[in-house]
Amino acid sequence: MALSHTILATLGDKALSGYDLWKEFAECTTHYWKASQQQVYRELSKLETQAAIAVEVVPQDGRPDKKLYSITPEGKEMLIQWIAEASEPTAIREEVLVKVLAANLVEPEVIIAELKRRQQIHSQNLAACKEMEQEFLARESELSLKEKCKYLTLRRGIRYEAEWVGWCEEAIAFFQEQNSQSSN
């Protein structure tokens, strides 16, 4: 998957500024795709060159002109073709798992502290996802198909974050047990 596909899918049927698009990434796709503001703008430029998106310049008083990006028929076709391609699971590249793999080299308190920190991060992410879910559920009967698809990705994000919280609990308990056994 490329960032370009994520941008095209996020644009959907609405025009967004580069900043608004990046905010969508930060708020809605964070559990499956991360991109910096610079990456988003760089990719928007490439997509414009490929005629996958159109740009409308909106003049603003006292501020730089605002650019609104929208998907073109060519961009929709690019996205449709990509959706039809087979996809493979992405390899996990997770730093904390490498730390746990080598945790025998440090005192249990060191890895427990890192696991508690990560658990806190995932708990906060889970709470944010559940808050977004409540917004979807409050409008459930009036959601468009596009919004229901977005909700489905949010449900995966909720499960992802909940699984991390649970795994951190399990790992913390394991290292706490190891610590109590070594002090006996």
Protein backbone atom coordinates (compact mmCIF):
# COMPACT_ATOMS: atom_id res chain seq x y z
CA MET A 1 0.00 0.00 0.00
CA ALA A 2 1.23 3.43 -0.81
CA LEU A 3 0.52 6.72 0.87
CA SER A 4 -1.09 7.78 -2.41
CA HIS A 5 -3.84 5.16 -2.01
CA THR A 6 -4.53 6.28 1.53
CA ILE A 7 -4.79 9.91 0.40
CA LEU A 8 -7.16 9.01 -2.45
CA ALA A 9 -9.30 6.88 -0.13
CA THR A 10 -9.39 9.64 2.49
CA LEU A 11 -10.41 12.27 -0.05
CA GLY A 12 -13.30 10.17 -1.28
CA ASP A 13 -16.04 12.51 -2.49
CA LYS A 14 -14.97 15.65 -0.65
CA ALA A 15 -12.37 18.31 -1.31
CA LEU A 16 -9.88 18.90 1.49
CA SER A 17 -6.98 21.24 2.05
CA GLY A 18 -3.60 19.62 2.60
CA TYR A 19 -3.82 20.54 6.28
CA ASP A 20 -7.35 19.10 6.66
CA LEU A 21 -6.22 15.93 4.90
CA TRP A 22 -3.27 15.60 7.28
CA LYS A 23 -5.64 16.15 10.25
CA GLU A 24 -7.82 13.29 8.94
CA PHE A 25 -4.70 11.13 8.97
CA ALA A 26 -3.83 12.17 12.51
CA GLU A 27 -7.36 11.56 13.79
CA CYS A 28 -8.78 8.73 11.73
CA THR A 29 -6.11 6.58 10.12
CA THR A 30 -3.50 6.58 12.85
CA HIS A 31 -4.08 2.91 13.75
CA TYR A 32 -3.20 1.76 10.24
CA TRP A 33 -1.31 4.56 8.51
CA LYS A 34 0.91 7.36 9.78
CA ALA A 35 2.21 10.19 7.67
CA SER A 36 3.88 13.47 8.48
CA GLN A 37 2.55 16.73 7.11
CA GLN A 38 5.53 16.93 4.73
CA GLN A 39 4.87 13.41 3.43
CA VAL A 40 1.23 14.26 2.74
CA TYR A 41 2.10 17.46 0.85
CA ARG A 42 4.84 15.71 -1.13
CA GLU A 43 2.42 12.94 -2.12
CA LEU A 44 -0.29 15.47 -3.04
CA SER A 45 2.16 17.05 -5.46
CA LYS A 46 2.88 13.65 -7.06
CA LEU A 47 -0.83 12.82 -7.31
CA GLU A 48 -1.49 16.18 -8.96
CA THR A 49 1.26 15.44 -11.52
CA GLN A 50 -0.39 12.05 -12.21
CA ALA A 51 -3.79 13.79 -12.67
CA ALA A 52 -5.19 11.65 -9.84
CA ILE A 53 -6.29 14.75 -7.94
CA ALA A 54 -7.41 18.23 -8.94
CA VAL A 55 -6.50 21.40 -7.10
CA GLU A 56 -8.79 24.37 -6.59
CA VAL A 57 -7.09 27.53 -5.36
CA VAL A 58 -9.30 29.53 -2.98
CA PRO A 59 -8.15 33.14 -2.44
CA GLN A 60 -8.09 34.28 1.21
CA ASP A 61 -7.81 37.80 2.56
CA GLY A 62 -4.62 38.46 4.52
CA ARG A 63 -3.51 34.84 4.28
CA PRO A 64 -1.96 32.63 1.63
CA ASP A 65 -4.37 31.13 -0.88
CA LYS A 66 -5.90 27.85 0.23
CA LYS A 67 -5.59 24.79 -2.00
CA LEU A 68 -8.45 22.29 -1.97
CA TYR A 69 -7.66 18.83 -3.31
CA SER A 70 -10.25 16.47 -4.75
CA ILE A 71 -10.01 13.10 -6.42
CA THR A 72 -10.39 13.00 -10.20
CA PRO A 73 -11.98 10.21 -12.26
CA GLU A 74 -8.40 9.05 -13.02
CA GLY A 75 -7.66 8.98 -9.29
CA LYS A 76 -10.82 6.97 -8.60
CA GLU A 77 -9.84 4.50 -11.32
CA MET A 78 -6.34 4.21 -9.82
CA LEU A 79 -7.91 3.50 -6.42
CA ILE A 80 -10.43 1.00 -7.84
CA GLN A 81 -7.66 -0.93 -9.60
CA TRP A 82 -5.58 -0.99 -6.42
CA ILE A 83 -8.54 -2.20 -4.31
CA ALA A 84 -8.96 -5.17 -6.69
CA GLU A 85 -5.32 -6.25 -6.21
CA ALA A 86 -4.51 -8.92 -3.64
CA SER A 87 -2.96 -7.59 -0.45
CA GLU A 88 -0.54 -9.29 1.91
CA PRO A 89 -0.25 -8.85 5.68
CA THR A 90 2.34 -6.28 6.62
CA ALA A 91 5.26 -7.35 8.76
CA ILE A 92 5.26 -6.03 12.30
CA ARG A 93 8.15 -3.71 13.07
CA GLU A 94 7.65 -3.01 16.74
CA GLU A 95 10.47 -1.71 18.88
CA VAL A 96 8.95 -2.75 22.21
CA LEU A 97 8.83 -6.39 21.06
CA VAL A 98 12.58 -6.30 20.41
CA LYS A 99 13.06 -4.81 23.88
CA VAL A 100 11.02 -7.64 25.40
CA LEU A 101 13.01 -10.18 23.39
CA ALA A 102 16.20 -8.90 25.03
CA ALA A 103 14.66 -8.06 28.43
CA ASN A 104 16.72 -10.76 30.13
CA LEU A 105 19.65 -8.30 29.95
CA VAL A 106 18.06 -5.74 32.29
CA GLU A 107 16.41 -5.69 35.68
CA PRO A 108 12.67 -6.46 35.39
CA GLU A 109 11.80 -2.94 36.59
CA VAL A 110 13.36 -1.47 33.45
CA ILE A 111 11.15 -3.39 31.02
CA ILE A 112 8.12 -3.10 33.31
CA ALA A 113 8.46 0.70 33.25
CA GLU A 114 8.57 0.69 29.43
CA LEU A 115 5.59 -1.68 29.21
CA LYS A 116 3.56 0.50 31.58
CA ARG A 117 4.43 3.56 29.48
CA ARG A 118 3.30 1.78 26.31
CA GLN A 119 0.17 0.51 28.01
CA GLN A 120 -0.69 4.10 28.94
CA ILE A 121 -0.22 5.24 25.33
CA HIS A 122 -2.43 2.45 23.99
CA SER A 123 -5.03 3.09 26.70
CA GLN A 124 -5.20 6.75 25.64
CA ASN A 125 -5.45 5.77 21.97
CA LEU A 126 -8.20 3.28 22.83
CA ALA A 127 -10.15 5.94 24.73
CA ALA A 128 -9.85 8.33 21.76
CA CYS A 129 -11.04 5.63 19.35
CA LYS A 130 -13.99 4.78 21.59
CA GLU A 131 -14.89 8.47 21.77
CA MET A 132 -14.92 8.61 17.95
CA GLU A 133 -17.01 5.44 17.95
CA GLN A 134 -19.65 7.14 20.10
CA GLU A 135 -19.89 9.90 17.49
CA PHE A 136 -20.51 7.27 14.80
CA LEU A 137 -23.04 5.38 16.93
CA ALA A 138 -24.97 8.56 17.70
CA ARG A 139 -25.60 8.97 13.95
CA GLU A 140 -25.66 5.26 13.04
CA SER A 141 -28.98 5.34 11.14
CA GLU A 142 -27.92 8.26 8.95
CA LEU A 143 -24.37 7.17 8.06
CA SER A 144 -23.47 6.99 4.39
CA LEU A 145 -21.75 3.91 3.01
CA LYS A 146 -18.45 5.87 3.02
CA GLU A 147 -18.92 6.71 6.72
CA LYS A 148 -19.81 3.09 7.52
CA CYS A 149 -16.58 1.98 5.80
CA LYS A 150 -14.66 4.54 7.88
CA TYR A 151 -16.39 3.20 11.00
CA LEU A 152 -15.32 -0.33 10.10
CA THR A 153 -11.66 0.79 10.03
CA LEU A 154 -12.21 2.49 13.39
CA ARG A 155 -13.51 -0.81 14.82
CA ARG A 156 -10.23 -2.43 13.73
CA GLY A 157 -8.35 0.38 15.46
CA ILE A 158 -10.31 -0.26 18.66
CA ARG A 159 -9.43 -3.94 18.57
CA TYR A 160 -5.78 -3.12 17.80
CA GLU A 161 -5.46 -0.76 20.76
CA ALA A 162 -7.41 -3.07 23.10
CA GLU A 163 -5.14 -5.98 22.14
CA TRP A 164 -2.05 -3.89 22.91
CA VAL A 165 -3.46 -2.90 26.32
CA GLY A 166 -4.18 -6.56 27.10
CA TRP A 167 -0.78 -7.75 25.91
CA CYS A 168 0.98 -5.09 27.99
CA GLU A 169 -0.97 -6.29 31.05
CA GLU A 170 0.11 -9.85 30.34
CA ALA A 171 3.76 -8.91 29.82
CA ILE A 172 3.85 -6.69 32.93
CA ALA A 173 2.40 -9.53 35.03
CA PHE A 174 5.00 -11.90 33.58
CA PHE A 175 7.94 -9.64 34.43
CA GLN A 176 6.51 -8.83 37.86
CA GLU A 177 6.34 -12.60 38.53
CA GLN A 178 9.93 -12.99 37.31
CA ASN A 179 10.97 -10.15 39.59
CA SER A 180 9.28 -11.68 42.65
CA GLN A 181 10.82 -15.10 41.88
CA SER A 182 14.32 -13.65 41.57
CA SER A 183 14.01 -11.74 44.85
CA ASN A 184 13.00 -14.91 46.78
